[in-house]
Amino acid sequence: MSIENVVLFTRAVNDKLLLRERLAATDHGSEWIEIARDVGFEFTLEEFVSTLGETLARAVRADNVVQEYRSAVDTMSAGVLTRAMSKIFIGGMPRNCDAWSAGVEEQSQPPVRRDSVR
């Protein structure tokens, strides 16, 4: 769940100007984690580093995670980066993540396993 919180946090950053302004005031990953907790997202600095590193397919460290995030946003745009995180950590189904984060149940039926149908 914590990794999903990283993805949902990046979505909130994309959507909320006040949150972006708070984050812009610091270059320290640990302070970003505190800000995230203040607005309701629980994850560790290590989970943030790991999620970003996996998304970018390169080594990211705790001491440069904020700079790496900002660089990725500048290069990819915030929405593209968030979608990339969603695909990696939520099975490539950001639509499900959108419904879940909005508190709305998915309308479609779950897939039926072929081996369960006789």
Protein backbone atom coordinates (compact mmCIF):
# COMPACT_ATOMS: atom_id res chain seq x y z
CA MET A 1 0.00 0.00 0.00
CA SER A 2 2.83 2.42 0.73
CA ILE A 3 4.12 2.34 -2.83
CA GLU A 4 0.63 3.09 -4.07
CA ASN A 5 0.65 6.05 -1.67
CA VAL A 6 3.74 7.39 -3.47
CA VAL A 7 1.82 7.24 -6.75
CA LEU A 8 -1.24 8.88 -5.23
CA PHE A 9 0.97 11.54 -3.64
CA THR A 10 2.45 12.42 -7.05
CA ARG A 11 -1.08 12.75 -8.39
CA ALA A 12 -1.91 15.14 -5.56
CA VAL A 13 1.25 17.13 -6.30
CA ASN A 14 0.10 17.46 -9.92
CA ASP A 15 -3.33 18.71 -8.86
CA LYS A 16 -2.70 20.94 -5.85
CA LEU A 17 -0.85 24.23 -6.17
CA LEU A 18 -0.48 24.72 -2.40
CA LEU A 19 1.16 21.31 -2.06
CA ARG A 20 3.57 22.12 -4.91
CA GLU A 21 4.44 25.40 -3.20
CA ARG A 22 5.18 23.62 0.10
CA LEU A 23 7.40 21.11 -1.66
CA ALA A 24 9.19 23.84 -3.62
CA ALA A 25 10.39 25.33 -0.33
CA THR A 26 12.71 22.37 0.39
CA ASP A 27 15.26 20.16 -1.33
CA HIS A 28 15.29 17.46 1.35
CA GLY A 29 13.52 14.16 0.77
CA SER A 30 12.85 13.70 4.48
CA GLU A 31 10.94 16.99 4.53
CA TRP A 32 8.93 15.87 1.50
CA ILE A 33 7.95 12.75 3.46
CA GLU A 34 6.80 14.92 6.38
CA ILE A 35 4.76 17.09 4.03
CA ALA A 36 3.24 14.00 2.45
CA ARG A 37 2.23 12.70 5.88
CA ASP A 38 0.74 16.09 6.75
CA VAL A 39 -1.61 15.78 3.78
CA GLY A 40 -2.48 12.13 4.41
CA PHE A 41 0.02 10.01 2.45
CA GLU A 42 1.97 7.41 4.44
CA PHE A 43 5.21 6.15 2.92
CA THR A 44 8.87 6.15 3.82
CA LEU A 45 11.76 7.95 2.21
CA GLU A 46 13.09 4.56 1.11
CA GLU A 47 9.78 3.77 -0.62
CA PHE A 48 9.85 7.14 -2.38
CA VAL A 49 13.46 6.56 -3.50
CA SER A 50 12.69 3.02 -4.65
CA THR A 51 9.54 4.01 -6.53
CA LEU A 52 11.24 6.86 -8.36
CA GLY A 53 14.33 4.78 -9.12
CA GLU A 54 12.23 1.94 -10.54
CA THR A 55 10.17 4.37 -12.61
CA LEU A 56 13.20 6.15 -14.02
CA ALA A 57 15.20 2.91 -14.39
CA ARG A 58 18.26 4.41 -12.74
CA ALA A 59 19.82 4.70 -9.31
CA VAL A 60 18.18 7.26 -7.07
CA ARG A 61 19.44 7.97 -3.57
CA ALA A 62 17.84 9.58 -0.54
CA ASP A 63 20.16 12.57 -0.87
CA ASN A 64 19.12 13.30 -4.47
CA VAL A 65 15.54 12.03 -4.69
CA VAL A 66 14.02 15.54 -4.77
CA GLN A 67 16.38 16.68 -7.51
CA GLU A 68 15.71 13.48 -9.49
CA TYR A 69 11.95 13.96 -9.12
CA ARG A 70 12.12 17.59 -10.25
CA SER A 71 14.39 16.69 -13.16
CA ALA A 72 11.99 13.95 -14.26
CA VAL A 73 9.02 16.31 -14.04
CA ASP A 74 10.90 18.90 -16.11
CA THR A 75 11.78 16.28 -18.71
CA MET A 76 8.58 14.21 -18.80
CA SER A 77 5.90 16.45 -17.28
CA ALA A 78 4.30 15.60 -13.95
CA GLY A 79 1.38 13.68 -15.44
CA VAL A 80 3.60 11.47 -17.57
CA LEU A 81 5.81 10.67 -14.57
CA THR A 82 2.79 9.78 -12.43
CA ARG A 83 1.36 7.53 -15.16
CA ALA A 84 4.74 5.79 -15.48
CA MET A 85 4.72 5.14 -11.72
CA SER A 86 1.16 3.83 -11.94
CA LYS A 87 2.04 1.40 -14.72
CA ILE A 88 4.99 -0.05 -12.83
CA PHE A 89 3.41 -0.35 -9.40
CA ILE A 90 -0.26 -0.83 -10.10
CA GLY A 91 0.02 -3.26 -12.97
CA GLY A 92 -0.34 -0.75 -15.77
CA MET A 93 -3.91 0.08 -14.86
CA PRO A 94 -4.01 3.73 -13.77
CA ARG A 95 -7.76 3.73 -14.44
CA ASN A 96 -8.21 1.37 -11.48
CA CYS A 97 -5.94 3.57 -9.40
CA ASP A 98 -7.99 6.63 -10.34
CA ALA A 99 -11.21 4.95 -9.24
CA TRP A 100 -9.64 3.66 -6.04
CA SER A 101 -8.08 7.00 -5.13
CA ALA A 102 -11.38 8.76 -5.72
CA GLY A 103 -13.15 6.28 -3.45
CA VAL A 104 -15.26 4.97 -6.32
CA GLU A 105 -15.68 1.27 -6.89
CA GLU A 106 -14.73 -0.06 -10.28
CA GLN A 107 -17.82 -0.52 -12.47
CA SER A 108 -16.58 -3.39 -14.62
CA GLN A 109 -16.71 -7.03 -13.63
CA PRO A 110 -13.50 -8.73 -12.50
CA PRO A 111 -11.85 -10.95 -15.11
CA VAL A 112 -12.92 -14.59 -15.08
CA ARG A 113 -10.14 -17.15 -14.84
CA ARG A 114 -10.32 -19.65 -17.66
CA ASP A 115 -9.45 -22.55 -15.41
CA SER A 116 -12.44 -21.75 -13.18
CA VAL A 117 -14.95 -21.94 -16.06
CA ARG A 118 -16.19 -25.45 -16.91
